[in-house]
Amino acid sequence: MKCVLISGTNRNYIWLVYALEKSSKSIVAFNVGRRTNKTLSRVLDTLKLSEAKMIFTDKLKNYRYLIEEKLHSVKRFGTNHIERKNLTLRTHLKRLNRRTICFSKSLIVLISILKIYFWI
């Protein structure tokens, strides 16, 4: 998960939430929106429908309310692959980089570029 700035003001931060399959390192689902439980729950609903056996997360409080305890695991090394993917995303897509002038002015353009990047 990461925050992305859409337009020039600091109030327009958008949250990119995505799930990564551990074995193949492919993106299973993603969502872009405000930093709320609703944005996060859309990706988690996809994981629940696919009957995920374990969901590894960081220590964000929102996960405790949205993921069952038997599926949820917060381990020190459980998020290595997703953190590596975050770095790769920032390297490949400059619009996701921190403090850059290459931001997206439109949410639709950002979502379209992410769909192309993740699923092609």
PDB file of N, CA and C in Angstrom:
ATOM      1  N   MET A   1       0.815  -1.168   0.000  1.00  0.00           N
ATOM      2  CA  MET A   1       0.000   0.000   0.000  1.00  0.00           C
ATOM      3  C   MET A   1       0.862   1.236   0.000  1.00  0.00           C
ATOM      4  N   LYS A   2       0.394   2.231  -0.663  1.00  0.00           N
ATOM      5  CA  LYS A   2       1.152   3.462  -0.688  1.00  0.00           C
ATOM      6  C   LYS A   2       0.237   4.617  -1.003  1.00  0.00           C
ATOM      7  N   CYS A   3       0.667   5.790  -0.652  1.00  0.00           N
ATOM      8  CA  CYS A   3      -0.091   7.007  -0.933  1.00  0.00           C
ATOM      9  C   CYS A   3       0.475   7.663  -2.178  1.00  0.00           C
ATOM     10  N   VAL A   4      -0.411   8.206  -2.983  1.00  0.00           N
ATOM     11  CA  VAL A   4      -0.036   8.860  -4.221  1.00  0.00           C
ATOM     12  C   VAL A   4      -0.711  10.219  -4.238  1.00  0.00           C
ATOM     13  N   LEU A   5      -0.010  11.245  -4.677  1.00  0.00           N
ATOM     14  CA  LEU A   5      -0.579  12.583  -4.757  1.00  0.00           C
ATOM     15  C   LEU A   5      -1.228  12.773  -6.116  1.00  0.00           C
ATOM     16  N   ILE A   6      -2.514  13.136  -6.098  1.00  0.00           N
ATOM     17  CA  ILE A   6      -3.239  13.448  -7.326  1.00  0.00           C
ATOM     18  C   ILE A   6      -3.464  14.956  -7.317  1.00  0.00           C
ATOM     19  N   SER A   7      -2.974  15.688  -8.257  1.00  0.00           N
ATOM     20  CA  SER A   7      -3.015  17.141  -8.412  1.00  0.00           C
ATOM     21  C   SER A   7      -2.052  17.808  -7.450  1.00  0.00           C
ATOM     22  N   GLY A   8      -2.052  19.105  -7.410  1.00  0.00           N
ATOM     23  CA  GLY A   8      -1.007  19.832  -6.722  1.00  0.00           C
ATOM     24  C   GLY A   8      -1.163  20.068  -5.240  1.00  0.00           C
ATOM     25  N   THR A   9      -2.311  19.847  -4.655  1.00  0.00           N
ATOM     26  CA  THR A   9      -2.480  20.172  -3.241  1.00  0.00           C
ATOM     27  C   THR A   9      -2.179  18.968  -2.367  1.00  0.00           C
ATOM     28  N   ASN A  10      -1.794  19.226  -1.143  1.00  0.00           N
ATOM     29  CA  ASN A  10      -1.462  18.142  -0.226  1.00  0.00           C
ATOM     30  C   ASN A  10      -2.690  17.403   0.283  1.00  0.00           C
ATOM     31  N   ARG A  11      -3.864  17.924   0.056  1.00  0.00           N
ATOM     32  CA  ARG A  11      -5.083  17.277   0.547  1.00  0.00           C
ATOM     33  C   ARG A  11      -5.565  16.158  -0.364  1.00  0.00           C
ATOM     34  N   ASN A  12      -5.001  16.033  -1.527  1.00  0.00           N
ATOM     35  CA  ASN A  12      -5.478  15.063  -2.504  1.00  0.00           C
ATOM     36  C   ASN A  12      -4.639  13.793  -2.533  1.00  0.00           C
ATOM     37  N   TYR A  13      -4.314  13.257  -1.384  1.00  0.00           N
ATOM     38  CA  TYR A  13      -3.578  12.006  -1.351  1.00  0.00           C
ATOM     39  C   TYR A  13      -4.520  10.845  -1.624  1.00  0.00           C
ATOM     40  N   ILE A  14      -4.084   9.943  -2.474  1.00  0.00           N
ATOM     41  CA  ILE A  14      -4.856   8.767  -2.843  1.00  0.00           C
ATOM     42  C   ILE A  14      -4.075   7.549  -2.372  1.00  0.00           C
ATOM     43  N   TRP A  15      -4.784   6.541  -1.940  1.00  0.00           N
ATOM     44  CA  TRP A  15      -4.180   5.338  -1.389  1.00  0.00           C
ATOM     45  C   TRP A  15      -4.251   4.231  -2.429  1.00  0.00           C
ATOM     46  N   LEU A  16      -3.133   3.652  -2.760  1.00  0.00           N
ATOM     47  CA  LEU A  16      -3.074   2.492  -3.646  1.00  0.00           C
ATOM     48  C   LEU A  16      -2.938   1.257  -2.768  1.00  0.00           C
ATOM     49  N   VAL A  17      -3.938   0.388  -2.830  1.00  0.00           N
ATOM     50  CA  VAL A  17      -3.953  -0.838  -2.034  1.00  0.00           C
ATOM     51  C   VAL A  17      -3.922  -2.003  -3.015  1.00  0.00           C
ATOM     52  N   TYR A  18      -3.020  -2.930  -2.797  1.00  0.00           N
ATOM     53  CA  TYR A  18      -2.992  -4.099  -3.666  1.00  0.00           C
ATOM     54  C   TYR A  18      -2.559  -5.331  -2.902  1.00  0.00           C
ATOM     55  N   ALA A  19      -2.979  -6.485  -3.432  1.00  0.00           N
ATOM     56  CA  ALA A  19      -2.632  -7.774  -2.831  1.00  0.00           C
ATOM     57  C   ALA A  19      -1.713  -8.515  -3.788  1.00  0.00           C
ATOM     58  N   LEU A  20      -0.717  -9.151  -3.216  1.00  0.00           N
ATOM     59  CA  LEU A  20       0.302  -9.851  -3.984  1.00  0.00           C
ATOM     60  C   LEU A  20       0.294 -11.319  -3.581  1.00  0.00           C
ATOM     61  N   GLU A  21       0.227 -12.207  -4.573  1.00  0.00           N
ATOM     62  CA  GLU A  21       0.327 -13.628  -4.268  1.00  0.00           C
ATOM     63  C   GLU A  21       1.785 -13.953  -3.959  1.00  0.00           C
ATOM     64  N   LYS A  22       1.998 -14.651  -2.864  1.00  0.00           N
ATOM     65  CA  LYS A  22       3.358 -14.854  -2.371  1.00  0.00           C
ATOM     66  C   LYS A  22       4.209 -15.733  -3.300  1.00  0.00           C
ATOM     67  N   SER A  23       3.641 -16.799  -3.837  1.00  0.00           N
ATOM     68  CA  SER A  23       4.450 -17.726  -4.634  1.00  0.00           C
ATOM     69  C   SER A  23       4.790 -17.180  -6.022  1.00  0.00           C
ATOM     70  N   SER A  24       3.811 -16.639  -6.734  1.00  0.00           N
ATOM     71  CA  SER A  24       4.071 -16.154  -8.091  1.00  0.00           C
ATOM     72  C   SER A  24       4.417 -14.669  -8.142  1.00  0.00           C
ATOM     73  N   LYS A  25       4.222 -13.953  -7.034  1.00  0.00           N
ATOM     74  CA  LYS A  25       4.477 -12.512  -6.927  1.00  0.00           C
ATOM     75  C   LYS A  25       3.661 -11.705  -7.930  1.00  0.00           C
ATOM     76  N   SER A  26       2.484 -12.200  -8.290  1.00  0.00           N
ATOM     77  CA  SER A  26       1.608 -11.469  -9.191  1.00  0.00           C
ATOM     78  C   SER A  26       0.546 -10.720  -8.391  1.00  0.00           C
ATOM     79  N   ILE A  27       0.044  -9.648  -8.970  1.00  0.00           N
ATOM     80  CA  ILE A  27      -0.971  -8.832  -8.313  1.00  0.00           C
ATOM     81  C   ILE A  27      -2.317  -9.524  -8.454  1.00  0.00           C
ATOM     82  N   VAL A  28      -2.962  -9.798  -7.329  1.00  0.00           N
ATOM     83  CA  VAL A  28      -4.255 -10.477  -7.321  1.00  0.00           C
ATOM     84  C   VAL A  28      -5.382  -9.466  -7.459  1.00  0.00           C
ATOM     85  N   ALA A  29      -5.288  -8.354  -6.723  1.00  0.00           N
ATOM     86  CA  ALA A  29      -6.318  -7.317  -6.764  1.00  0.00           C
ATOM     87  C   ALA A  29      -5.702  -6.001  -6.338  1.00  0.00           C
ATOM     88  N   PHE A  30      -6.293  -4.903  -6.826  1.00  0.00           N
ATOM     89  CA  PHE A  30      -5.849  -3.597  -6.363  1.00  0.00           C
ATOM     90  C   PHE A  30      -7.028  -2.629  -6.367  1.00  0.00           C
ATOM     91  N   ASN A  31      -6.897  -1.567  -5.587  1.00  0.00           N
ATOM     92  CA  ASN A  31      -7.910  -0.530  -5.519  1.00  0.00           C
ATOM     93  C   ASN A  31      -7.224   0.793  -5.242  1.00  0.00           C
ATOM     94  N   VAL A  32      -7.795   1.852  -5.767  1.00  0.00           N
ATOM     95  CA  VAL A  32      -7.268   3.194  -5.574  1.00  0.00           C
ATOM     96  C   VAL A  32      -8.388   4.050  -5.015  1.00  0.00           C
ATOM     97  N   GLY A  33      -8.112   4.775  -3.942  1.00  0.00           N
ATOM     98  CA  GLY A  33      -9.128   5.643  -3.349  1.00  0.00           C
ATOM     99  C   GLY A  33      -8.604   6.347  -2.121  1.00  0.00           C
ATOM    100  N   ARG A  34      -9.513   6.969  -1.383  1.00  0.00           N
ATOM    101  CA  ARG A  34      -9.134   7.650  -0.143  1.00  0.00           C
ATOM    102  C   ARG A  34      -8.654   6.632   0.882  1.00  0.00           C
ATOM    103  N   ARG A  35      -7.939   7.089   1.879  1.00  0.00           N
ATOM    104  CA  ARG A  35      -7.388   6.183   2.892  1.00  0.00           C
ATOM    105  C   ARG A  35      -8.466   5.849   3.917  1.00  0.00           C
ATOM    106  N   THR A  36      -9.367   4.928   3.516  1.00  0.00           N
ATOM    107  CA  THR A  36     -10.471   4.517   4.375  1.00  0.00           C
ATOM    108  C   THR A  36     -10.557   2.997   4.386  1.00  0.00           C
ATOM    109  N   ASN A  37     -11.366   2.490   5.308  1.00  0.00           N
ATOM    110  CA  ASN A  37     -11.598   1.042   5.367  1.00  0.00           C
ATOM    111  C   ASN A  37     -12.330   0.546   4.132  1.00  0.00           C
ATOM    112  N   LYS A  38     -13.139   1.388   3.516  1.00  0.00           N
ATOM    113  CA  LYS A  38     -13.879   0.993   2.309  1.00  0.00           C
ATOM    114  C   LYS A  38     -12.917   0.664   1.167  1.00  0.00           C
ATOM    115  N   THR A  39     -11.893   1.488   0.983  1.00  0.00           N
ATOM    116  CA  THR A  39     -10.896   1.240  -0.054  1.00  0.00           C
ATOM    117  C   THR A  39     -10.144  -0.059   0.219  1.00  0.00           C
ATOM    118  N   LEU A  40      -9.783  -0.264   1.459  1.00  0.00           N
ATOM    119  CA  LEU A  40      -9.057  -1.472   1.851  1.00  0.00           C
ATOM    120  C   LEU A  40      -9.927  -2.715   1.759  1.00  0.00           C
ATOM    121  N   SER A  41     -11.197  -2.588   2.126  1.00  0.00           N
ATOM    122  CA  SER A  41     -12.071  -3.764   2.157  1.00  0.00           C
ATOM    123  C   SER A  41     -12.371  -4.317   0.764  1.00  0.00           C
ATOM    124  N   ARG A  42     -12.294  -3.489  -0.267  1.00  0.00           N
ATOM    125  CA  ARG A  42     -12.529  -4.004  -1.626  1.00  0.00           C
ATOM    126  C   ARG A  42     -11.473  -5.021  -2.028  1.00  0.00           C
ATOM    127  N   VAL A  43     -10.228  -4.777  -1.671  1.00  0.00           N
ATOM    128  CA  VAL A  43      -9.163  -5.733  -1.968  1.00  0.00           C
ATOM    129  C   VAL A  43      -9.291  -6.952  -1.064  1.00  0.00           C
ATOM    130  N   LEU A  44      -9.621  -6.734   0.199  1.00  0.00           N
ATOM    131  CA  LEU A  44      -9.770  -7.848   1.127  1.00  0.00           C
ATOM    132  C   LEU A  44     -10.946  -8.744   0.760  1.00  0.00           C
ATOM    133  N   ASP A  45     -12.018  -8.175   0.222  1.00  0.00           N
ATOM    134  CA  ASP A  45     -13.149  -8.981  -0.234  1.00  0.00           C
ATOM    135  C   ASP A  45     -12.739  -9.918  -1.362  1.00  0.00           C
ATOM    136  N   THR A  46     -11.892  -9.436  -2.254  1.00  0.00           N
ATOM    137  CA  THR A  46     -11.385 -10.286  -3.331  1.00  0.00           C
ATOM    138  C   THR A  46     -10.564 -11.440  -2.771  1.00  0.00           C
ATOM    139  N   LEU A  47      -9.753 -11.154  -1.758  1.00  0.00           N
ATOM    140  CA  LEU A  47      -8.956 -12.212  -1.133  1.00  0.00           C
ATOM    141  C   LEU A  47      -9.839 -13.230  -0.424  1.00  0.00           C
ATOM    142  N   LYS A  48     -10.894 -12.760   0.210  1.00  0.00           N
ATOM    143  CA  LYS A  48     -11.814 -13.685   0.892  1.00  0.00           C
ATOM    144  C   LYS A  48     -12.551 -14.559  -0.101  1.00  0.00           C
ATOM    145  N   LEU A  49     -12.939 -13.988  -1.250  1.00  0.00           N
ATOM    146  CA  LEU A  49     -13.616 -14.772  -2.277  1.00  0.00           C
ATOM    147  C   LEU A  49     -12.695 -15.816  -2.897  1.00  0.00           C
ATOM    148  N   SER A  50     -11.415 -15.516  -2.963  1.00  0.00           N
ATOM    149  CA  SER A  50     -10.461 -16.479  -3.523  1.00  0.00           C
ATOM    150  C   SER A  50      -9.984 -17.484  -2.477  1.00  0.00           C
ATOM    151  N   GLU A  51     -10.561 -17.399  -1.282  1.00  0.00           N
ATOM    152  CA  GLU A  51     -10.282 -18.332  -0.186  1.00  0.00           C
ATOM    153  C   GLU A  51      -8.794 -18.368   0.152  1.00  0.00           C
ATOM    154  N   ALA A  52      -8.243 -17.210   0.435  1.00  0.00           N
ATOM    155  CA  ALA A  52      -6.836 -17.116   0.842  1.00  0.00           C
ATOM    156  C   ALA A  52      -6.633 -17.846   2.164  1.00  0.00           C
ATOM    157  N   LYS A  53      -5.548 -18.579   2.249  1.00  0.00           N
ATOM    158  CA  LYS A  53      -5.265 -19.357   3.469  1.00  0.00           C
ATOM    159  C   LYS A  53      -4.634 -18.487   4.554  1.00  0.00           C
ATOM    160  N   MET A  54      -3.841 -17.495   4.162  1.00  0.00           N
ATOM    161  CA  MET A  54      -3.181 -16.617   5.117  1.00  0.00           C
ATOM    162  C   MET A  54      -2.994 -15.254   4.466  1.00  0.00           C
ATOM    163  N   ILE A  55      -3.174 -14.194   5.242  1.00  0.00           N
ATOM    164  CA  ILE A  55      -2.986 -12.841   4.752  1.00  0.00           C
ATOM    165  C   ILE A  55      -1.932 -12.184   5.639  1.00  0.00           C
ATOM    166  N   PHE A  56      -0.786 -11.850   5.058  1.00  0.00           N
ATOM    167  CA  PHE A  56       0.299 -11.198   5.786  1.00  0.00           C
ATOM    168  C   PHE A  56       0.180  -9.693   5.601  1.00  0.00           C
ATOM    169  N   THR A  57       0.253  -8.951   6.693  1.00  0.00           N
ATOM    170  CA  THR A  57       0.139  -7.498   6.631  1.00  0.00           C
ATOM    171  C   THR A  57       1.161  -6.850   7.550  1.00  0.00           C
ATOM    172  N   ASP A  58       1.245  -5.524   7.435  1.00  0.00           N
ATOM    173  CA  ASP A  58       2.050  -4.776   8.390  1.00  0.00           C
ATOM    174  C   ASP A  58       1.178  -4.468   9.610  1.00  0.00           C
ATOM    175  N   LYS A  59       1.581  -3.546  10.430  1.00  0.00           N
ATOM    176  CA  LYS A  59       0.886  -3.308  11.696  1.00  0.00           C
ATOM    177  C   LYS A  59      -0.153  -2.192  11.637  1.00  0.00           C
ATOM    178  N   LEU A  60      -0.732  -1.954  10.476  1.00  0.00           N
ATOM    179  CA  LEU A  60      -1.793  -0.965  10.347  1.00  0.00           C
ATOM    180  C   LEU A  60      -3.023  -1.422  11.130  1.00  0.00           C
ATOM    181  N   LYS A  61      -3.607  -0.552  11.918  1.00  0.00           N
ATOM    182  CA  LYS A  61      -4.726  -0.915  12.796  1.00  0.00           C
ATOM    183  C   LYS A  61      -5.974  -1.360  12.033  1.00  0.00           C
ATOM    184  N   ASN A  62      -6.172  -0.825  10.848  1.00  0.00           N
ATOM    185  CA  ASN A  62      -7.382  -1.130  10.076  1.00  0.00           C
ATOM    186  C   ASN A  62      -7.539  -2.613   9.777  1.00  0.00           C
ATOM    187  N   TYR A  63      -6.435  -3.320   9.645  1.00  0.00           N
ATOM    188  CA  TYR A  63      -6.503  -4.743   9.312  1.00  0.00           C
ATOM    189  C   TYR A  63      -7.191  -5.553  10.395  1.00  0.00           C
ATOM    190  N   ARG A  64      -6.996  -5.174  11.640  1.00  0.00           N
ATOM    191  CA  ARG A  64      -7.584  -5.932  12.747  1.00  0.00           C
ATOM    192  C   ARG A  64      -9.102  -5.960  12.675  1.00  0.00           C
ATOM    193  N   TYR A  65      -9.700  -4.905  12.139  1.00  0.00           N
ATOM    194  CA  TYR A  65     -11.153  -4.823  12.066  1.00  0.00           C
ATOM    195  C   TYR A  65     -11.714  -5.505  10.826  1.00  0.00           C
ATOM    196  N   LEU A  66     -10.899  -5.702   9.824  1.00  0.00           N
ATOM    197  CA  LEU A  66     -11.399  -6.204   8.542  1.00  0.00           C
ATOM    198  C   LEU A  66     -11.015  -7.643   8.218  1.00  0.00           C
ATOM    199  N   ILE A  67     -10.004  -8.184   8.881  1.00  0.00           N
ATOM    200  CA  ILE A  67      -9.534  -9.543   8.587  1.00  0.00           C
ATOM    201  C   ILE A  67      -9.728 -10.411   9.822  1.00  0.00           C
ATOM    202  N   GLU A  68     -10.235 -11.609   9.611  1.00  0.00           N
ATOM    203  CA  GLU A  68     -10.404 -12.556  10.719  1.00  0.00           C
ATOM    204  C   GLU A  68      -9.044 -12.922  11.308  1.00  0.00           C
ATOM    205  N   GLU A  69      -9.015 -13.190  12.601  1.00  0.00           N
ATOM    206  CA  GLU A  69      -7.747 -13.494  13.274  1.00  0.00           C
ATOM    207  C   GLU A  69      -7.071 -14.754  12.753  1.00  0.00           C
ATOM    208  N   LYS A  70      -7.867 -15.760  12.359  1.00  0.00           N
ATOM    209  CA  LYS A  70      -7.263 -17.015  11.902  1.00  0.00           C
ATOM    210  C   LYS A  70      -6.580 -16.862  10.537  1.00  0.00           C
ATOM    211  N   LEU A  71      -6.996 -15.863   9.734  1.00  0.00           N
ATOM    212  CA  LEU A  71      -6.371 -15.614   8.435  1.00  0.00           C
ATOM    213  C   LEU A  71      -5.245 -14.590   8.501  1.00  0.00           C
ATOM    214  N   HIS A  72      -5.260 -13.757   9.523  1.00  0.00           N
ATOM    215  CA  HIS A  72      -4.360 -12.615   9.594  1.00  0.00           C
ATOM    216  C   HIS A  72      -3.049 -12.969  10.295  1.00  0.00           C
ATOM    217  N   SER A  73      -1.944 -12.562   9.693  1.00  0.00           N
ATOM    218  CA  SER A  73      -0.639 -12.787  10.289  1.00  0.00           C
ATOM    219  C   SER A  73       0.207 -11.526  10.143  1.00  0.00           C
ATOM    220  N   VAL A  74       0.718 -11.051  11.277  1.00  0.00           N
ATOM    221  CA  VAL A  74       1.615  -9.901  11.274  1.00  0.00           C
ATOM    222  C   VAL A  74       2.970 -10.414  11.733  1.00  0.00           C
ATOM    223  N   LYS A  75       3.853 -10.628  10.772  1.00  0.00           N
ATOM    224  CA  LYS A  75       5.191 -11.115  11.073  1.00  0.00           C
ATOM    225  C   LYS A  75       6.214 -10.133  10.540  1.00  0.00           C
ATOM    226  N   ARG A  76       7.386 -10.204  11.104  1.00  0.00           N
ATOM    227  CA  ARG A  76       8.438  -9.282  10.711  1.00  0.00           C
ATOM    228  C   ARG A  76       8.852  -9.469   9.253  1.00  0.00           C
ATOM    229  N   PHE A  77       8.909 -10.697   8.792  1.00  0.00           N
ATOM    230  CA  PHE A  77       9.358 -10.961   7.423  1.00  0.00           C
ATOM    231  C   PHE A  77       8.229 -11.397   6.502  1.00  0.00           C
ATOM    232  N   GLY A  78       6.984 -11.179   6.886  1.00  0.00           N
ATOM    233  CA  GLY A  78       5.856 -11.591   6.064  1.00  0.00           C
ATOM    234  C   GLY A  78       5.547 -10.657   4.912  1.00  0.00           C
ATOM    235  N   THR A  79       6.091  -9.434   4.955  1.00  0.00           N
ATOM    236  CA  THR A  79       5.758  -8.448   3.930  1.00  0.00           C
ATOM    237  C   THR A  79       6.940  -8.085   3.035  1.00  0.00           C
ATOM    238  N   ASN A  80       7.954  -8.910   2.995  1.00  0.00           N
ATOM    239  CA  ASN A  80       9.146  -8.612   2.187  1.00  0.00           C
ATOM    240  C   ASN A  80       8.825  -8.448   0.702  1.00  0.00           C
ATOM    241  N   HIS A  81       7.987  -9.339   0.171  1.00  0.00           N
ATOM    242  CA  HIS A  81       7.693  -9.315  -1.264  1.00  0.00           C
ATOM    243  C   HIS A  81       6.910  -8.058  -1.648  1.00  0.00           C
ATOM    244  N   ILE A  82       5.960  -7.669  -0.818  1.00  0.00           N
ATOM    245  CA  ILE A  82       5.153  -6.488  -1.146  1.00  0.00           C
ATOM    246  C   ILE A  82       5.986  -5.212  -1.017  1.00  0.00           C
ATOM    247  N   GLU A  83       6.902  -5.171  -0.064  1.00  0.00           N
ATOM    248  CA  GLU A  83       7.767  -3.996   0.063  1.00  0.00           C
ATOM    249  C   GLU A  83       8.710  -3.888  -1.130  1.00  0.00           C
ATOM    250  N   ARG A  84       9.187  -5.009  -1.627  1.00  0.00           N
ATOM    251  CA  ARG A  84      10.020  -5.007  -2.828  1.00  0.00           C
ATOM    252  C   ARG A  84       9.213  -4.538  -4.027  1.00  0.00           C
ATOM    253  N   LYS A  85       7.951  -4.978  -4.115  1.00  0.00           N
ATOM    254  CA  LYS A  85       7.082  -4.549  -5.215  1.00  0.00           C
ATOM    255  C   LYS A  85       6.823  -3.044  -5.142  1.00  0.00           C
ATOM    256  N   ASN A  86       6.676  -2.503  -3.915  1.00  0.00           N
ATOM    257  CA  ASN A  86       6.502  -1.053  -3.760  1.00  0.00           C
ATOM    258  C   ASN A  86       7.700  -0.298  -4.340  1.00  0.00           C
ATOM    259  N   LEU A  87       8.885  -0.767  -4.048  1.00  0.00           N
ATOM    260  CA  LEU A  87      10.089  -0.117  -4.570  1.00  0.00           C
ATOM    261  C   LEU A  87      10.159  -0.231  -6.089  1.00  0.00           C
ATOM    262  N   THR A  88       9.814  -1.386  -6.625  1.00  0.00           N
ATOM    263  CA  THR A  88       9.808  -1.586  -8.078  1.00  0.00           C
ATOM    264  C   THR A  88       8.781  -0.676  -8.745  1.00  0.00           C
ATOM    265  N   LEU A  89       7.610  -0.542  -8.134  1.00  0.00           N
ATOM    266  CA  LEU A  89       6.586   0.347  -8.677  1.00  0.00           C
ATOM    267  C   LEU A  89       7.077   1.787  -8.722  1.00  0.00           C
ATOM    268  N   ARG A  90       7.695   2.239  -7.644  1.00  0.00           N
ATOM    269  CA  ARG A  90       8.211   3.605  -7.607  1.00  0.00           C
ATOM    270  C   ARG A  90       9.310   3.823  -8.645  1.00  0.00           C
ATOM    271  N   THR A  91      10.079   2.786  -8.924  1.00  0.00           N
ATOM    272  CA  THR A  91      11.156   2.897  -9.905  1.00  0.00           C
ATOM    273  C   THR A  91      10.610   2.921 -11.329  1.00  0.00           C
ATOM    274  N   HIS A  92       9.646   2.072 -11.627  1.00  0.00           N
ATOM    275  CA  HIS A  92       9.112   1.965 -12.983  1.00  0.00           C
ATOM    276  C   HIS A  92       8.106   3.052 -13.327  1.00  0.00           C
ATOM    277  N   LEU A  93       7.267   3.426 -12.383  1.00  0.00           N
ATOM    278  CA  LEU A  93       6.227   4.430 -12.629  1.00  0.00           C
ATOM    279  C   LEU A  93       6.549   5.683 -11.827  1.00  0.00           C
ATOM    280  N   LYS A  94       7.097   6.666 -12.477  1.00  0.00           N
ATOM    281  CA  LYS A  94       7.530   7.880 -11.777  1.00  0.00           C
ATOM    282  C   LYS A  94       6.368   8.623 -11.133  1.00  0.00           C
ATOM    283  N   ARG A  95       5.166   8.416 -11.607  1.00  0.00           N
ATOM    284  CA  ARG A  95       4.028   9.094 -10.989  1.00  0.00           C
ATOM    285  C   ARG A  95       3.727   8.558  -9.592  1.00  0.00           C
ATOM    286  N   LEU A  96       4.310   7.413  -9.221  1.00  0.00           N
ATOM    287  CA  LEU A  96       4.154   6.875  -7.874  1.00  0.00           C
ATOM    288  C   LEU A  96       5.314   7.243  -6.965  1.00  0.00           C
ATOM    289  N   ASN A  97       6.305   7.907  -7.504  1.00  0.00           N
ATOM    290  CA  ASN A  97       7.483   8.274  -6.735  1.00  0.00           C
ATOM    291  C   ASN A  97       7.139   9.402  -5.769  1.00  0.00           C
ATOM    292  N   ARG A  98       7.842   9.465  -4.684  1.00  0.00           N
ATOM    293  CA  ARG A  98       7.603  10.508  -3.693  1.00  0.00           C
ATOM    294  C   ARG A  98       8.191  11.832  -4.160  1.00  0.00           C
ATOM    295  N   ARG A  99       7.461  12.898  -3.913  1.00  0.00           N
ATOM    296  CA  ARG A  99       7.912  14.265  -4.181  1.00  0.00           C
ATOM    297  C   ARG A  99       8.440  14.442  -5.597  1.00  0.00           C
ATOM    298  N   THR A 100       7.585  14.232  -6.537  1.00  0.00           N
ATOM    299  CA  THR A 100       7.979  14.365  -7.928  1.00  0.00           C
ATOM    300  C   THR A 100       7.014  15.292  -8.650  1.00  0.00           C
ATOM    301  N   ILE A 101       7.414  15.797  -9.793  1.00  0.00           N
ATOM    302  CA  ILE A 101       6.510  16.636 -10.583  1.00  0.00           C
ATOM    303  C   ILE A 101       5.734  15.791 -11.594  1.00  0.00           C
ATOM    304  N   CYS A 102       5.923  14.498 -11.587  1.00  0.00           N
ATOM    305  CA  CYS A 102       5.288  13.600 -12.548  1.00  0.00           C
ATOM    306  C   CYS A 102       3.983  13.013 -12.015  1.00  0.00           C
ATOM    307  N   PHE A 103       3.255  13.758 -11.203  1.00  0.00           N
ATOM    308  CA  PHE A 103       2.036  13.227 -10.625  1.00  0.00           C
ATOM    309  C   PHE A 103       0.919  13.158 -11.662  1.00  0.00           C
ATOM    310  N   SER A 104      -0.114  12.366 -11.368  1.00  0.00           N
ATOM    311  CA  SER A 104      -1.276  12.261 -12.247  1.00  0.00           C
ATOM    312  C   SER A 104      -2.272  13.343 -11.886  1.00  0.00           C
ATOM    313  N   LYS A 105      -2.805  14.001 -12.890  1.00  0.00           N
ATOM    314  CA  LYS A 105      -3.819  15.018 -12.628  1.00  0.00           C
ATOM    315  C   LYS A 105      -5.207  14.416 -12.586  1.00  0.00           C
ATOM    316  N   SER A 106      -5.338  13.203 -13.051  1.00  0.00           N
ATOM    317  CA  SER A 106      -6.640  12.556 -13.117  1.00  0.00           C
ATOM    318  C   SER A 106      -6.564  11.176 -12.475  1.00  0.00           C
ATOM    319  N   LEU A 107      -7.561  10.869 -11.682  1.00  0.00           N
ATOM    320  CA  LEU A 107      -7.638   9.552 -11.054  1.00  0.00           C
ATOM    321  C   LEU A 107      -7.860   8.464 -12.094  1.00  0.00           C
ATOM    322  N   ILE A 108      -8.616   8.763 -13.113  1.00  0.00           N
ATOM    323  CA  ILE A 108      -8.904   7.785 -14.174  1.00  0.00           C
ATOM    324  C   ILE A 108      -7.613   7.402 -14.912  1.00  0.00           C
ATOM    325  N   VAL A 109      -6.763   8.378 -15.178  1.00  0.00           N
ATOM    326  CA  VAL A 109      -5.492   8.103 -15.851  1.00  0.00           C
ATOM    327  C   VAL A 109      -4.612   7.229 -14.970  1.00  0.00           C
ATOM    328  N   LEU A 110      -4.552   7.537 -13.673  1.00  0.00           N
ATOM    329  CA  LEU A 110      -3.742   6.747 -12.749  1.00  0.00           C
ATOM    330  C   LEU A 110      -4.219   5.301 -12.693  1.00  0.00           C
ATOM    331  N   ILE A 111      -5.517   5.093 -12.566  1.00  0.00           N
ATOM    332  CA  ILE A 111      -6.071   3.729 -12.515  1.00  0.00           C
ATOM    333  C   ILE A 111      -5.797   2.989 -13.815  1.00  0.00           C
ATOM    334  N   SER A 112      -5.935   3.668 -14.946  1.00  0.00           N
ATOM    335  CA  SER A 112      -5.683   3.033 -16.243  1.00  0.00           C
ATOM    336  C   SER A 112      -4.232   2.592 -16.378  1.00  0.00           C
ATOM    337  N   ILE A 113      -3.318   3.438 -15.955  1.00  0.00           N
ATOM    338  CA  ILE A 113      -1.899   3.092 -16.033  1.00  0.00           C
ATOM    339  C   ILE A 113      -1.583   1.925 -15.116  1.00  0.00           C
ATOM    340  N   LEU A 114      -2.172   1.901 -13.933  1.00  0.00           N
ATOM    341  CA  LEU A 114      -1.946   0.781 -13.013  1.00  0.00           C
ATOM    342  C   LEU A 114      -2.508  -0.529 -13.568  1.00  0.00           C
ATOM    343  N   LYS A 115      -3.659  -0.477 -14.221  1.00  0.00           N
ATOM    344  CA  LYS A 115      -4.219  -1.692 -14.843  1.00  0.00           C
ATOM    345  C   LYS A 115      -3.290  -2.216 -15.923  1.00  0.00           C
ATOM    346  N   ILE A 116      -2.776  -1.325 -16.738  1.00  0.00           N
ATOM    347  CA  ILE A 116      -1.844  -1.742 -17.788  1.00  0.00           C
ATOM    348  C   ILE A 116      -0.587  -2.341 -17.172  1.00  0.00           C
ATOM    349  N   TYR A 117      -0.051  -1.709 -16.148  1.00  0.00           N
ATOM    350  CA  TYR A 117       1.192  -2.177 -15.536  1.00  0.00           C
ATOM    351  C   TYR A 117       1.008  -3.520 -14.828  1.00  0.00           C
ATOM    352  N   PHE A 118      -0.080  -3.670 -14.085  1.00  0.00           N
ATOM    353  CA  PHE A 118      -0.283  -4.875 -13.308  1.00  0.00           C
ATOM    354  C   PHE A 118      -0.702  -6.085 -14.153  1.00  0.00           C
ATOM    355  N   TRP A 119      -1.492  -5.866 -15.177  1.00  0.00           N
ATOM    356  CA  TRP A 119      -2.119  -7.006 -15.846  1.00  0.00           C
ATOM    357  C   TRP A 119      -1.684  -7.219 -17.277  1.00  0.00           C
ATOM    358  N   ILE A 120      -0.629  -6.614 -17.697  1.00  0.00           N
ATOM    359  CA  ILE A 120      -0.112  -6.912 -19.043  1.00  0.00           C
ATOM    360  C   ILE A 120       1.277  -7.458 -18.923  1.00  0.00           C
TER     361      ILE A 120
END
